[in-house]
Amino acid sequence: MDMRPAVSIVMAVHNGQRHLSDAVQSILAQTMGDFEFIVIDDGSTDWTARLLDEFAESDPRLRVVHRPHQGLAESLNFGVAQARSELIARMDADDVSMPERLELQSSFMHSHPEIGLLGTAVFLAAEDGDDRGCWDPPTGHEEIRKALIRANQFAHPTVMFRRSTFESLGGYRNMRYAQDYDLWLRFAAVDQVANLPQRLLVRRISNEQFGTERETEQIRLAWRARMDAIERGDYPRSAMLRLVKPAVAARMPAPLRQAARRILNLRAA
């Protein structure tokens, strides 16, 4: 008798106590209850570990692994390796999943075996919870793949993917940022990909990173992921024209990029 759960949810968290309870509760309250929830505590030094252990004591579906700090990519690869299901869902410690998220995504994946990676549209919220609108990415494979060379078309904490494809691709590469974007580009080259039009997650966004060295590094690594996709032959050489603007942005000093963004926003207004 197969006792494997229908879905394995994998989350990695480092010092994420601020919104952790909301994130964990949103998974434990899903309308589909046949899952395991694997949370990798990536060397947290705040109250994250204690909060997770308290949740695990009250719900056996939650499995917590405490490890020294390894970074997001390594922690997620480790978490997927612990999973027992073929369907892997991602979750982040500062977001909130809608109650029907797992049910809708798993049903779609079962009825569309050609789909290897599935995301969803999202609601956007500020750190304090204020409404920031929504993000509705393209839904079909061809449209997504065409747009993917320009920008990430998946909200990382919404995705569900097939473990077999993930493992065949070698999982997340050990990049400080853009490790998800790099993986989606590789997924789209070997499997069909899709997004559900339903907004099945509230994603918290912060303006603090804009115009910082962190953003510069994110832009640089995303550019590298695009170049790797072209060099692998997943996109034609002509797609390099799409890389000019991000290459310029990556070389622009962070304060200058922040000022340019403010000017463009004023013009748009």
Protein backbone atom coordinates (compact mmCIF):
# COMPACT_ATOMS: atom_id res chain seq x y z
CA MET A 1 0.00 0.00 0.00
CA ASP A 2 1.39 3.39 -1.05
CA MET A 3 1.45 5.66 2.00
CA ARG A 4 3.20 8.54 0.31
CA PRO A 5 1.49 11.93 0.64
CA ALA A 6 -0.11 13.46 -2.44
CA VAL A 7 2.06 16.58 -2.18
CA SER A 8 5.25 17.53 -0.36
CA ILE A 9 5.56 21.22 0.53
CA VAL A 10 9.12 22.45 0.99
CA MET A 11 10.04 25.68 2.75
CA ALA A 12 13.42 27.00 3.87
CA VAL A 13 13.63 29.80 6.42
CA HIS A 14 16.43 31.81 7.99
CA ASN A 15 15.43 34.21 10.77
CA GLY A 16 11.87 34.52 9.51
CA GLN A 17 9.95 34.81 12.76
CA ARG A 18 8.05 37.97 11.79
CA HIS A 19 5.55 36.36 9.40
CA LEU A 20 6.30 32.68 9.97
CA SER A 21 3.12 31.81 11.89
CA ASP A 22 0.87 33.20 9.14
CA ALA A 23 2.78 31.26 6.48
CA VAL A 24 2.73 27.94 8.34
CA GLN A 25 -0.93 28.24 9.34
CA SER A 26 -1.93 28.97 5.74
CA ILE A 27 -0.48 25.60 4.71
CA LEU A 28 -1.87 23.61 7.62
CA ALA A 29 -5.34 25.05 6.85
CA GLN A 30 -5.40 23.87 3.21
CA THR A 31 -8.61 22.30 1.91
CA MET A 32 -6.51 19.34 0.74
CA GLY A 33 -5.09 17.60 3.78
CA ASP A 34 -3.03 14.82 2.20
CA PHE A 35 0.41 16.41 2.32
CA GLU A 36 3.67 16.59 4.22
CA PHE A 37 5.15 19.97 5.06
CA ILE A 38 8.94 19.93 5.24
CA VAL A 39 10.51 23.06 6.72
CA ILE A 40 14.27 23.53 6.73
CA ASP A 41 15.40 25.87 9.51
CA ASP A 42 18.51 27.27 7.84
CA GLY A 43 20.54 28.18 10.91
CA SER A 44 18.09 30.71 12.36
CA THR A 45 19.20 32.66 15.42
CA ASP A 46 15.84 34.30 16.26
CA TRP A 47 12.63 32.58 17.47
CA THR A 48 12.10 30.70 14.20
CA ALA A 49 13.24 27.31 15.50
CA ARG A 50 11.03 27.46 18.58
CA LEU A 51 7.96 28.53 16.60
CA LEU A 52 8.45 25.70 14.13
CA ASP A 53 8.90 23.10 16.86
CA GLU A 54 5.69 24.24 18.53
CA PHE A 55 3.76 23.86 15.27
CA ALA A 56 5.29 20.41 14.67
CA GLU A 57 4.18 19.22 18.09
CA SER A 58 0.54 19.95 17.23
CA ASP A 59 0.47 18.71 13.60
CA PRO A 60 2.33 15.55 12.49
CA ARG A 61 2.20 16.65 8.83
CA LEU A 62 4.84 19.27 9.63
CA ARG A 63 8.41 17.98 9.69
CA VAL A 64 11.14 20.41 10.81
CA VAL A 65 14.83 19.94 10.10
CA HIS A 66 17.31 22.23 11.88
CA ARG A 67 20.60 22.72 10.03
CA PRO A 68 23.57 25.10 10.10
CA HIS A 69 23.15 28.04 7.72
CA GLN A 70 23.70 26.86 4.13
CA GLY A 71 21.74 29.39 2.07
CA LEU A 72 18.45 29.09 0.21
CA ALA A 73 19.48 26.92 -2.75
CA GLU A 74 21.24 24.28 -0.66
CA SER A 75 18.44 24.22 1.91
CA LEU A 76 15.76 23.76 -0.75
CA ASN A 77 17.70 20.99 -2.48
CA PHE A 78 18.05 19.26 0.88
CA GLY A 79 14.34 19.69 1.58
CA VAL A 80 13.31 18.21 -1.77
CA ALA A 81 15.64 15.26 -1.13
CA GLN A 82 13.66 14.54 2.08
CA ALA A 83 10.31 14.67 0.29
CA ARG A 84 8.26 11.51 -0.33
CA SER A 85 5.89 12.77 -3.03
CA GLU A 86 6.43 13.20 -6.76
CA LEU A 87 4.66 16.57 -6.57
CA ILE A 88 6.68 19.26 -4.78
CA ALA A 89 5.13 22.59 -3.78
CA ARG A 90 7.14 25.58 -2.64
CA MET A 91 6.30 28.02 0.12
CA ASP A 92 8.11 30.99 1.69
CA ALA A 93 8.06 32.07 5.31
CA ASP A 94 6.68 35.55 4.71
CA ASP A 95 3.78 34.73 2.37
CA VAL A 96 0.27 33.32 2.77
CA SER A 97 -1.28 30.58 0.62
CA MET A 98 -4.98 30.67 -0.18
CA PRO A 99 -6.84 27.66 1.35
CA GLU A 100 -7.55 25.99 -2.00
CA ARG A 101 -4.05 26.42 -3.44
CA LEU A 102 -2.78 22.84 -3.08
CA GLU A 103 -6.09 21.30 -4.12
CA LEU A 104 -6.28 23.33 -7.34
CA GLN A 105 -2.63 22.91 -8.28
CA SER A 106 -2.44 19.18 -7.59
CA SER A 107 -5.68 18.58 -9.51
CA PHE A 108 -4.28 20.48 -12.51
CA MET A 109 -1.00 18.57 -12.41
CA HIS A 110 -2.79 15.22 -12.31
CA SER A 111 -5.04 16.13 -15.24
CA HIS A 112 -2.15 17.62 -17.27
CA PRO A 113 0.74 15.13 -17.07
CA GLU A 114 2.64 17.10 -19.70
CA ILE A 115 3.07 20.01 -17.25
CA GLY A 116 6.27 19.83 -15.22
CA LEU A 117 6.10 23.23 -13.51
CA LEU A 118 3.01 25.13 -12.40
CA GLY A 119 2.74 28.55 -10.76
CA THR A 120 -0.18 30.85 -10.01
CA ALA A 121 -1.14 34.50 -10.07
CA VAL A 122 -0.65 36.34 -6.76
CA PHE A 123 -1.98 39.12 -4.60
CA LEU A 124 0.73 41.61 -3.58
CA ALA A 125 1.04 43.12 -0.11
CA ALA A 126 3.45 45.44 1.66
CA GLU A 127 5.39 44.31 4.73
CA ASP A 128 2.66 45.73 6.94
CA GLY A 129 -0.03 43.89 4.98
CA ASP A 130 -1.33 46.85 2.95
CA ASP A 131 -2.73 45.92 -0.46
CA ARG A 132 -0.28 46.46 -3.32
CA GLY A 133 -2.43 45.09 -6.13
CA CYS A 134 -1.79 41.80 -7.90
CA TRP A 135 0.41 40.08 -10.47
CA ASP A 136 -1.17 38.03 -13.24
CA PRO A 137 1.53 36.29 -15.29
CA PRO A 138 0.91 34.50 -18.61
CA THR A 139 -0.66 31.06 -18.26
CA GLY A 140 0.26 29.00 -21.35
CA HIS A 141 3.58 27.31 -22.09
CA GLU A 142 4.45 29.10 -25.33
CA GLU A 143 3.59 32.53 -23.96
CA ILE A 144 5.52 31.87 -20.76
CA ARG A 145 8.57 30.51 -22.55
CA LYS A 146 8.66 33.48 -24.92
CA ALA A 147 8.47 35.94 -22.02
CA LEU A 148 10.78 33.99 -19.72
CA ILE A 149 13.95 35.08 -21.48
CA ARG A 150 13.00 38.69 -20.67
CA ALA A 151 11.90 38.24 -17.05
CA ASN A 152 10.87 35.68 -14.47
CA GLN A 153 7.27 34.58 -15.09
CA PHE A 154 6.79 32.56 -11.89
CA ALA A 155 6.29 33.66 -8.29
CA HIS A 156 8.66 31.28 -6.51
CA PRO A 157 6.46 30.48 -3.48
CA THR A 158 3.52 29.53 -5.74
CA VAL A 159 5.18 26.83 -7.78
CA MET A 160 4.45 23.11 -7.84
CA PHE A 161 6.74 20.88 -9.87
CA ARG A 162 7.49 17.25 -10.60
CA ARG A 163 10.32 15.90 -8.51
CA SER A 164 11.56 13.62 -11.31
CA THR A 165 12.22 16.60 -13.60
CA PHE A 166 13.73 18.62 -10.77
CA GLU A 167 16.19 15.83 -10.01
CA SER A 168 17.05 15.28 -13.68
CA LEU A 169 17.96 18.97 -13.92
CA GLY A 170 20.16 18.84 -10.84
CA GLY A 171 17.88 21.00 -8.70
CA TYR A 172 18.66 24.58 -7.74
CA ARG A 173 22.11 25.79 -8.66
CA ASN A 174 24.02 27.29 -5.74
CA MET A 175 23.45 30.94 -6.62
CA ARG A 176 22.91 33.63 -4.01
CA TYR A 177 19.98 35.09 -5.97
CA ALA A 178 17.91 34.19 -9.05
CA GLN A 179 18.29 30.46 -8.35
CA ASP A 180 14.56 30.06 -8.99
CA TYR A 181 14.64 31.95 -12.32
CA ASP A 182 17.60 29.86 -13.44
CA LEU A 183 15.68 26.67 -12.61
CA TRP A 184 12.51 27.77 -14.43
CA LEU A 185 14.52 28.48 -17.58
CA ARG A 186 15.86 24.94 -17.42
CA PHE A 187 12.41 23.48 -16.69
CA ALA A 188 10.85 25.25 -19.68
CA ALA A 189 13.45 23.72 -21.99
CA VAL A 190 12.50 20.11 -21.14
CA ASP A 191 8.86 20.23 -19.93
CA GLN A 192 5.68 22.15 -20.54
CA VAL A 193 5.12 24.90 -17.95
CA ALA A 194 2.02 26.85 -16.93
CA ASN A 195 0.50 29.32 -14.47
CA LEU A 196 -2.99 29.10 -13.03
CA PRO A 197 -4.94 32.37 -13.48
CA GLN A 198 -6.30 32.17 -9.93
CA ARG A 199 -4.49 34.29 -7.34
CA LEU A 200 -3.57 31.62 -4.82
CA LEU A 201 -0.97 33.37 -2.69
CA VAL A 202 -0.46 36.69 -0.94
CA ARG A 203 3.13 37.69 -1.59
CA ARG A 204 4.78 40.29 0.59
CA ILE A 205 7.05 42.69 -1.24
CA SER A 206 9.52 45.20 0.11
CA ASN A 207 10.82 48.38 -1.50
CA GLU A 208 13.91 48.34 0.73
CA GLN A 209 15.96 46.26 -1.72
CA PHE A 210 15.45 48.64 -4.66
CA GLY A 211 18.51 50.70 -5.51
CA THR A 212 20.77 48.53 -3.33
CA GLU A 213 23.82 46.39 -4.01
CA ARG A 214 21.60 43.37 -3.34
CA GLU A 215 19.41 44.38 -6.28
CA THR A 216 22.52 44.83 -8.42
CA GLU A 217 23.56 41.27 -7.63
CA GLN A 218 20.06 39.96 -8.36
CA ILE A 219 20.06 41.67 -11.77
CA ARG A 220 23.53 40.33 -12.55
CA LEU A 221 22.69 36.73 -11.66
CA ALA A 222 19.39 36.85 -13.56
CA TRP A 223 21.33 38.11 -16.60
CA ARG A 224 23.74 35.18 -16.17
CA ALA A 225 20.81 32.73 -16.06
CA ARG A 226 19.50 34.15 -19.36
CA MET A 227 22.92 33.94 -20.98
CA ASP A 228 23.29 30.32 -19.85
CA ALA A 229 19.92 29.48 -21.44
CA ILE A 230 21.06 31.00 -24.76
CA GLU A 231 24.44 29.27 -24.59
CA ARG A 232 22.70 25.93 -23.96
CA GLY A 233 20.74 26.48 -27.17
CA ASP A 234 17.38 26.85 -25.41
CA TYR A 235 16.92 30.23 -27.14
CA PRO A 236 18.36 31.58 -30.41
CA ARG A 237 21.37 33.90 -30.37
CA SER A 238 19.06 36.73 -31.45
CA ALA A 239 17.57 36.60 -27.95
CA MET A 240 20.74 38.29 -26.70
CA LEU A 241 19.15 41.58 -27.74
CA ARG A 242 16.80 41.05 -24.80
CA LEU A 243 19.80 41.16 -22.47
CA VAL A 244 21.00 44.67 -23.30
CA LYS A 245 18.79 46.57 -20.84
CA PRO A 246 19.44 44.28 -17.85
CA ALA A 247 23.17 44.33 -18.66
CA VAL A 248 23.13 48.15 -18.51
CA ALA A 249 21.10 48.07 -15.27
CA ALA A 250 23.55 45.61 -13.67
CA ARG A 251 26.45 47.98 -14.37
CA MET A 252 24.64 51.09 -13.19
CA PRO A 253 25.54 52.23 -9.64
CA ALA A 254 22.73 51.35 -7.26
CA PRO A 255 21.92 54.95 -6.20
CA LEU A 256 21.76 56.04 -9.87
CA ARG A 257 19.42 53.15 -10.67
CA GLN A 258 17.19 54.12 -7.76
CA ALA A 259 17.06 57.74 -8.95
CA ALA A 260 16.23 56.61 -12.51
CA ARG A 261 13.38 54.50 -11.17
CA ARG A 262 11.95 57.47 -9.28
CA ILE A 263 12.13 59.67 -12.40
CA LEU A 264 10.43 57.03 -14.54
CA ASN A 265 7.70 56.57 -11.95
CA LEU A 266 7.07 60.32 -11.92
CA ARG A 267 6.84 60.37 -15.71
CA ALA A 268 4.42 57.45 -15.66
CA ALA A 269 2.25 59.31 -13.18
